[in-house]
Amino acid sequence: MPEPARYTASMRSLFLIILLANLGILAFGQGFFGPPPSEQGREPRQLSERHQNAIALGVPTVIQPTR
């Protein structure tokens, strides 16, 4: 059976390796190292092409200050 101090140190290092691997995969999936894998093969749309009908402009109104 391994010694408790050695066992604790190896489990701590294993935990840190797994934690760093998970953070790396998260960063890759979110696109921190370039386009995310879910966006591969897509052409990026210009900002003016996105949901043009989502904003409706109306006549500006003047709001009187309250006292």
PDB file of N, CA and C in Angstrom:
ATOM      1  N   MET A   1       0.856  -1.179   0.000  1.00  0.00           N
ATOM      2  CA  MET A   1       0.000   0.000   0.000  1.00  0.00           C
ATOM      3  C   MET A   1       0.903   1.242   0.000  1.00  0.00           C
ATOM      4  N   PRO A   2       0.573   2.263  -0.832  1.00  0.00           N
ATOM      5  CA  PRO A   2       1.426   3.452  -0.896  1.00  0.00           C
ATOM      6  C   PRO A   2       1.345   4.270   0.390  1.00  0.00           C
ATOM      7  N   GLU A   3       2.402   5.034   0.597  1.00  0.00           N
ATOM      8  CA  GLU A   3       2.437   5.896   1.778  1.00  0.00           C
ATOM      9  C   GLU A   3       1.423   7.022   1.617  1.00  0.00           C
ATOM     10  N   PRO A   4       0.802   7.500   2.706  1.00  0.00           N
ATOM     11  CA  PRO A   4      -0.224   8.539   2.602  1.00  0.00           C
ATOM     12  C   PRO A   4       0.273   9.829   1.979  1.00  0.00           C
ATOM     13  N   ALA A   5       1.473  10.272   2.303  1.00  0.00           N
ATOM     14  CA  ALA A   5       1.980  11.536   1.754  1.00  0.00           C
ATOM     15  C   ALA A   5       2.208  11.421   0.260  1.00  0.00           C
ATOM     16  N   ARG A   6       2.756  10.295  -0.178  1.00  0.00           N
ATOM     17  CA  ARG A   6       3.007  10.086  -1.610  1.00  0.00           C
ATOM     18  C   ARG A   6       1.685   9.960  -2.370  1.00  0.00           C
ATOM     19  N   TYR A   7       0.738   9.257  -1.769  1.00  0.00           N
ATOM     20  CA  TYR A   7      -0.583   9.081  -2.378  1.00  0.00           C
ATOM     21  C   TYR A   7      -1.283  10.429  -2.534  1.00  0.00           C
ATOM     22  N   THR A   8      -1.198  11.279  -1.535  1.00  0.00           N
ATOM     23  CA  THR A   8      -1.825  12.605  -1.577  1.00  0.00           C
ATOM     24  C   THR A   8      -1.193  13.474  -2.653  1.00  0.00           C
ATOM     25  N   ALA A   9       0.128  13.437  -2.752  1.00  0.00           N
ATOM     26  CA  ALA A   9       0.814  14.244  -3.756  1.00  0.00           C
ATOM     27  C   ALA A   9       0.464  13.780  -5.165  1.00  0.00           C
ATOM     28  N   SER A  10       0.377  12.481  -5.386  1.00  0.00           N
ATOM     29  CA  SER A  10       0.046  11.992  -6.725  1.00  0.00           C
ATOM     30  C   SER A  10      -1.403  12.306  -7.083  1.00  0.00           C
ATOM     31  N   MET A  11      -2.312  12.222  -6.122  1.00  0.00           N
ATOM     32  CA  MET A  11      -3.716  12.557  -6.395  1.00  0.00           C
ATOM     33  C   MET A  11      -3.870  14.050  -6.667  1.00  0.00           C
ATOM     34  N   ARG A  12      -3.113  14.888  -5.965  1.00  0.00           N
ATOM     35  CA  ARG A  12      -3.167  16.330  -6.182  1.00  0.00           C
ATOM     36  C   ARG A  12      -2.667  16.667  -7.589  1.00  0.00           C
ATOM     37  N   SER A  13      -1.572  16.043  -8.004  1.00  0.00           N
ATOM     38  CA  SER A  13      -1.045  16.317  -9.346  1.00  0.00           C
ATOM     39  C   SER A  13      -1.992  15.782 -10.420  1.00  0.00           C
ATOM     40  N   LEU A  14      -2.604  14.624 -10.200  1.00  0.00           N
ATOM     41  CA  LEU A  14      -3.579  14.095 -11.149  1.00  0.00           C
ATOM     42  C   LEU A  14      -4.781  15.034 -11.268  1.00  0.00           C
ATOM     43  N   PHE A  15      -5.238  15.553 -10.144  1.00  0.00           N
ATOM     44  CA  PHE A  15      -6.358  16.501 -10.162  1.00  0.00           C
ATOM     45  C   PHE A  15      -6.003  17.753 -10.956  1.00  0.00           C
ATOM     46  N   LEU A  16      -4.794  18.298 -10.755  1.00  0.00           N
ATOM     47  CA  LEU A  16      -4.387  19.501 -11.476  1.00  0.00           C
ATOM     48  C   LEU A  16      -4.257  19.244 -12.978  1.00  0.00           C
ATOM     49  N   ILE A  17      -3.761  18.085 -13.358  1.00  0.00           N
ATOM     50  CA  ILE A  17      -3.647  17.746 -14.780  1.00  0.00           C
ATOM     51  C   ILE A  17      -5.033  17.665 -15.416  1.00  0.00           C
ATOM     52  N   ILE A  18      -5.969  17.021 -14.746  1.00  0.00           N
ATOM     53  CA  ILE A  18      -7.334  16.905 -15.277  1.00  0.00           C
ATOM     54  C   ILE A  18      -8.005  18.272 -15.335  1.00  0.00           C
ATOM     55  N   LEU A  19      -7.788  19.109 -14.324  1.00  0.00           N
ATOM     56  CA  LEU A  19      -8.363  20.447 -14.310  1.00  0.00           C
ATOM     57  C   LEU A  19      -7.838  21.283 -15.476  1.00  0.00           C
ATOM     58  N   LEU A  20      -6.532  21.251 -15.703  1.00  0.00           N
ATOM     59  CA  LEU A  20      -5.947  22.005 -16.815  1.00  0.00           C
ATOM     60  C   LEU A  20      -6.424  21.482 -18.160  1.00  0.00           C
ATOM     61  N   ALA A  21      -6.580  20.173 -18.292  1.00  0.00           N
ATOM     62  CA  ALA A  21      -7.092  19.608 -19.538  1.00  0.00           C
ATOM     63  C   ALA A  21      -8.527  20.072 -19.792  1.00  0.00           C
ATOM     64  N   ASN A  22      -9.347  20.091 -18.757  1.00  0.00           N
ATOM     65  CA  ASN A  22     -10.728  20.554 -18.907  1.00  0.00           C
ATOM     66  C   ASN A  22     -10.787  22.030 -19.280  1.00  0.00           C
ATOM     67  N   LEU A  23      -9.943  22.852 -18.667  1.00  0.00           N
ATOM     68  CA  LEU A  23      -9.913  24.279 -19.004  1.00  0.00           C
ATOM     69  C   LEU A  23      -9.447  24.487 -20.441  1.00  0.00           C
ATOM     70  N   GLY A  24      -8.483  23.703 -20.884  1.00  0.00           N
ATOM     71  CA  GLY A  24      -8.013  23.804 -22.261  1.00  0.00           C
ATOM     72  C   GLY A  24      -9.092  23.422 -23.266  1.00  0.00           C
ATOM     73  N   ILE A  25      -9.820  22.368 -22.982  1.00  0.00           N
ATOM     74  CA  ILE A  25     -10.897  21.949 -23.882  1.00  0.00           C
ATOM     75  C   ILE A  25     -12.026  22.979 -23.880  1.00  0.00           C
ATOM     76  N   LEU A  26     -12.340  23.548 -22.729  1.00  0.00           N
ATOM     77  CA  LEU A  26     -13.353  24.597 -22.659  1.00  0.00           C
ATOM     78  C   LEU A  26     -12.940  25.809 -23.493  1.00  0.00           C
ATOM     79  N   ALA A  27     -11.684  26.232 -23.351  1.00  0.00           N
ATOM     80  CA  ALA A  27     -11.200  27.385 -24.110  1.00  0.00           C
ATOM     81  C   ALA A  27     -11.234  27.106 -25.604  1.00  0.00           C
ATOM     82  N   PHE A  28     -10.864  25.907 -26.006  1.00  0.00           N
ATOM     83  CA  PHE A  28     -10.899  25.541 -27.425  1.00  0.00           C
ATOM     84  C   PHE A  28     -12.332  25.551 -27.947  1.00  0.00           C
ATOM     85  N   GLY A  29     -13.253  25.003 -27.180  1.00  0.00           N
ATOM     86  CA  GLY A  29     -14.654  24.941 -27.599  1.00  0.00           C
ATOM     87  C   GLY A  29     -15.319  26.300 -27.660  1.00  0.00           C
ATOM     88  N   GLN A  30     -14.873  27.251 -26.834  1.00  0.00           N
ATOM     89  CA  GLN A  30     -15.441  28.592 -26.834  1.00  0.00           C
ATOM     90  C   GLN A  30     -14.803  29.488 -27.881  1.00  0.00           C
ATOM     91  N   GLY A  31     -13.724  29.044 -28.507  1.00  0.00           N
ATOM     92  CA  GLY A  31     -13.113  29.818 -29.572  1.00  0.00           C
ATOM     93  C   GLY A  31     -12.010  30.748 -29.144  1.00  0.00           C
ATOM     94  N   PHE A  32     -11.357  30.492 -28.004  1.00  0.00           N
ATOM     95  CA  PHE A  32     -10.268  31.356 -27.567  1.00  0.00           C
ATOM     96  C   PHE A  32      -9.018  31.186 -28.422  1.00  0.00           C
ATOM     97  N   PHE A  33      -8.894  30.075 -29.140  1.00  0.00           N
ATOM     98  CA  PHE A  33      -7.721  29.813 -29.962  1.00  0.00           C
ATOM     99  C   PHE A  33      -8.048  29.935 -31.445  1.00  0.00           C
ATOM    100  N   GLY A  34      -9.099  30.652 -31.791  1.00  0.00           N
ATOM    101  CA  GLY A  34      -9.540  30.785 -33.177  1.00  0.00           C
ATOM    102  C   GLY A  34     -11.027  30.491 -33.249  1.00  0.00           C
ATOM    103  N   PRO A  35     -11.544  30.285 -34.448  1.00  0.00           N
ATOM    104  CA  PRO A  35     -12.979  29.994 -34.569  1.00  0.00           C
ATOM    105  C   PRO A  35     -13.336  28.701 -33.836  1.00  0.00           C
ATOM    106  N   PRO A  36     -14.458  28.697 -33.110  1.00  0.00           N
ATOM    107  CA  PRO A  36     -14.853  27.473 -32.407  1.00  0.00           C
ATOM    108  C   PRO A  36     -15.192  26.368 -33.398  1.00  0.00           C
ATOM    109  N   PRO A  37     -15.065  25.116 -32.980  1.00  0.00           N
ATOM    110  CA  PRO A  37     -15.355  24.002 -33.887  1.00  0.00           C
ATOM    111  C   PRO A  37     -16.773  24.028 -34.440  1.00  0.00           C
ATOM    112  N   SER A  38     -17.726  24.591 -33.722  1.00  0.00           N
ATOM    113  CA  SER A  38     -19.103  24.641 -34.214  1.00  0.00           C
ATOM    114  C   SER A  38     -19.255  25.608 -35.380  1.00  0.00           C
ATOM    115  N   GLU A  39     -18.302  26.513 -35.566  1.00  0.00           N
ATOM    116  CA  GLU A  39     -18.368  27.492 -36.647  1.00  0.00           C
ATOM    117  C   GLU A  39     -17.519  27.098 -37.855  1.00  0.00           C
ATOM    118  N   GLN A  40     -16.878  25.938 -37.822  1.00  0.00           N
ATOM    119  CA  GLN A  40     -16.044  25.510 -38.933  1.00  0.00           C
ATOM    120  C   GLN A  40     -16.904  25.336 -40.187  1.00  0.00           C
ATOM    121  N   GLY A  41     -16.426  25.857 -41.294  1.00  0.00           N
ATOM    122  CA  GLY A  41     -17.130  25.702 -42.565  1.00  0.00           C
ATOM    123  C   GLY A  41     -18.166  26.771 -42.830  1.00  0.00           C
ATOM    124  N   ARG A  42     -18.430  27.627 -41.895  1.00  0.00           N
ATOM    125  CA  ARG A  42     -19.419  28.695 -42.089  1.00  0.00           C
ATOM    126  C   ARG A  42     -18.715  29.976 -42.489  1.00  0.00           C
ATOM    127  N   GLU A  43     -19.385  30.749 -43.307  1.00  0.00           N
ATOM    128  CA  GLU A  43     -18.865  32.063 -43.642  1.00  0.00           C
ATOM    129  C   GLU A  43     -19.462  33.077 -42.674  1.00  0.00           C
ATOM    130  N   PRO A  44     -18.633  33.886 -42.053  1.00  0.00           N
ATOM    131  CA  PRO A  44     -19.179  34.858 -41.103  1.00  0.00           C
ATOM    132  C   PRO A  44     -20.027  35.908 -41.812  1.00  0.00           C
ATOM    133  N   ARG A  45     -21.157  36.223 -41.226  1.00  0.00           N
ATOM    134  CA  ARG A  45     -22.031  37.243 -41.796  1.00  0.00           C
ATOM    135  C   ARG A  45     -21.607  38.612 -41.308  1.00  0.00           C
ATOM    136  N   GLN A  46     -21.829  39.591 -42.136  1.00  0.00           N
ATOM    137  CA  GLN A  46     -21.553  40.964 -41.738  1.00  0.00           C
ATOM    138  C   GLN A  46     -22.571  41.388 -40.690  1.00  0.00           C
ATOM    139  N   LEU A  47     -22.209  42.348 -39.869  1.00  0.00           N
ATOM    140  CA  LEU A  47     -23.100  42.805 -38.817  1.00  0.00           C
ATOM    141  C   LEU A  47     -24.382  43.389 -39.401  1.00  0.00           C
ATOM    142  N   SER A  48     -24.303  44.010 -40.572  1.00  0.00           N
ATOM    143  CA  SER A  48     -25.486  44.616 -41.179  1.00  0.00           C
ATOM    144  C   SER A  48     -26.450  43.564 -41.718  1.00  0.00           C
ATOM    145  N   GLU A  49     -26.012  42.316 -41.891  1.00  0.00           N
ATOM    146  CA  GLU A  49     -26.878  41.261 -42.413  1.00  0.00           C
ATOM    147  C   GLU A  49     -27.646  40.534 -41.318  1.00  0.00           C
ATOM    148  N   ARG A  50     -27.354  40.796 -40.090  1.00  0.00           N
ATOM    149  CA  ARG A  50     -27.960  40.050 -38.984  1.00  0.00           C
ATOM    150  C   ARG A  50     -29.233  40.728 -38.492  1.00  0.00           C
ATOM    151  N   HIS A  51     -30.317  40.062 -38.566  1.00  0.00           N
ATOM    152  CA  HIS A  51     -31.594  40.469 -37.979  1.00  0.00           C
ATOM    153  C   HIS A  51     -31.909  41.950 -38.213  1.00  0.00           C
ATOM    154  N   GLN A  52     -32.002  42.332 -39.446  1.00  0.00           N
ATOM    155  CA  GLN A  52     -32.276  43.731 -39.742  1.00  0.00           C
ATOM    156  C   GLN A  52     -33.663  44.156 -39.277  1.00  0.00           C
ATOM    157  N   ASN A  53     -34.592  43.223 -39.214  1.00  0.00           N
ATOM    158  CA  ASN A  53     -35.955  43.573 -38.815  1.00  0.00           C
ATOM    159  C   ASN A  53     -36.140  43.550 -37.295  1.00  0.00           C
ATOM    160  N   ALA A  54     -35.110  43.263 -36.536  1.00  0.00           N
ATOM    161  CA  ALA A  54     -35.239  43.189 -35.075  1.00  0.00           C
ATOM    162  C   ALA A  54     -35.349  44.567 -34.434  1.00  0.00           C
ATOM    163  N   ILE A  55     -34.866  45.605 -35.111  1.00  0.00           N
ATOM    164  CA  ILE A  55     -34.903  46.955 -34.560  1.00  0.00           C
ATOM    165  C   ILE A  55     -35.876  47.788 -35.376  1.00  0.00           C
ATOM    166  N   ALA A  56     -36.844  48.358 -34.701  1.00  0.00           N
ATOM    167  CA  ALA A  56     -37.808  49.229 -35.367  1.00  0.00           C
ATOM    168  C   ALA A  56     -37.573  50.654 -34.882  1.00  0.00           C
ATOM    169  N   LEU A  57     -37.293  51.526 -35.816  1.00  0.00           N
ATOM    170  CA  LEU A  57     -37.054  52.925 -35.463  1.00  0.00           C
ATOM    171  C   LEU A  57     -38.363  53.689 -35.553  1.00  0.00           C
ATOM    172  N   GLY A  58     -38.620  54.502 -34.560  1.00  0.00           N
ATOM    173  CA  GLY A  58     -39.839  55.294 -34.538  1.00  0.00           C
ATOM    174  C   GLY A  58     -39.503  56.771 -34.461  1.00  0.00           C
ATOM    175  N   VAL A  59     -40.536  57.559 -34.299  1.00  0.00           N
ATOM    176  CA  VAL A  59     -40.360  59.004 -34.183  1.00  0.00           C
ATOM    177  C   VAL A  59     -39.871  59.314 -32.770  1.00  0.00           C
ATOM    178  N   PRO A  60     -38.797  60.101 -32.632  1.00  0.00           N
ATOM    179  CA  PRO A  60     -38.311  60.424 -31.292  1.00  0.00           C
ATOM    180  C   PRO A  60     -39.326  61.286 -30.532  1.00  0.00           C
ATOM    181  N   THR A  61     -39.443  61.060 -29.259  1.00  0.00           N
ATOM    182  CA  THR A  61     -40.363  61.857 -28.430  1.00  0.00           C
ATOM    183  C   THR A  61     -39.532  62.630 -27.406  1.00  0.00           C
ATOM    184  N   VAL A  62     -40.028  63.790 -27.050  1.00  0.00           N
ATOM    185  CA  VAL A  62     -39.372  64.637 -26.066  1.00  0.00           C
ATOM    186  C   VAL A  62     -39.986  64.355 -24.716  1.00  0.00           C
ATOM    187  N   ILE A  63     -39.157  64.049 -23.737  1.00  0.00           N
ATOM    188  CA  ILE A  63     -39.636  63.764 -22.398  1.00  0.00           C
ATOM    189  C   ILE A  63     -39.374  64.994 -21.545  1.00  0.00           C
ATOM    190  N   GLN A  64     -40.454  65.481 -20.904  1.00  0.00           N
ATOM    191  CA  GLN A  64     -40.331  66.665 -20.047  1.00  0.00           C
ATOM    192  C   GLN A  64     -39.750  66.250 -18.700  1.00  0.00           C
ATOM    193  N   PRO A  65     -38.796  67.022 -18.196  1.00  0.00           N
ATOM    194  CA  PRO A  65     -38.226  66.687 -16.876  1.00  0.00           C
ATOM    195  C   PRO A  65     -39.274  66.897 -15.785  1.00  0.00           C
ATOM    196  N   THR A  66     -39.232  66.055 -14.785  1.00  0.00           N
ATOM    197  CA  THR A  66     -40.172  66.180 -13.635  1.00  0.00           C
ATOM    198  C   THR A  66     -39.511  66.991 -12.532  1.00  0.00           C
ATOM    199  N   ARG A  67     -40.361  67.650 -11.750  1.00  0.00           N
ATOM    200  CA  ARG A  67     -39.852  68.480 -10.655  1.00  0.00           C
ATOM    201  C   ARG A  67     -40.062  67.840  -9.348  1.00  0.00           C
TER     202      ARG A  67
END
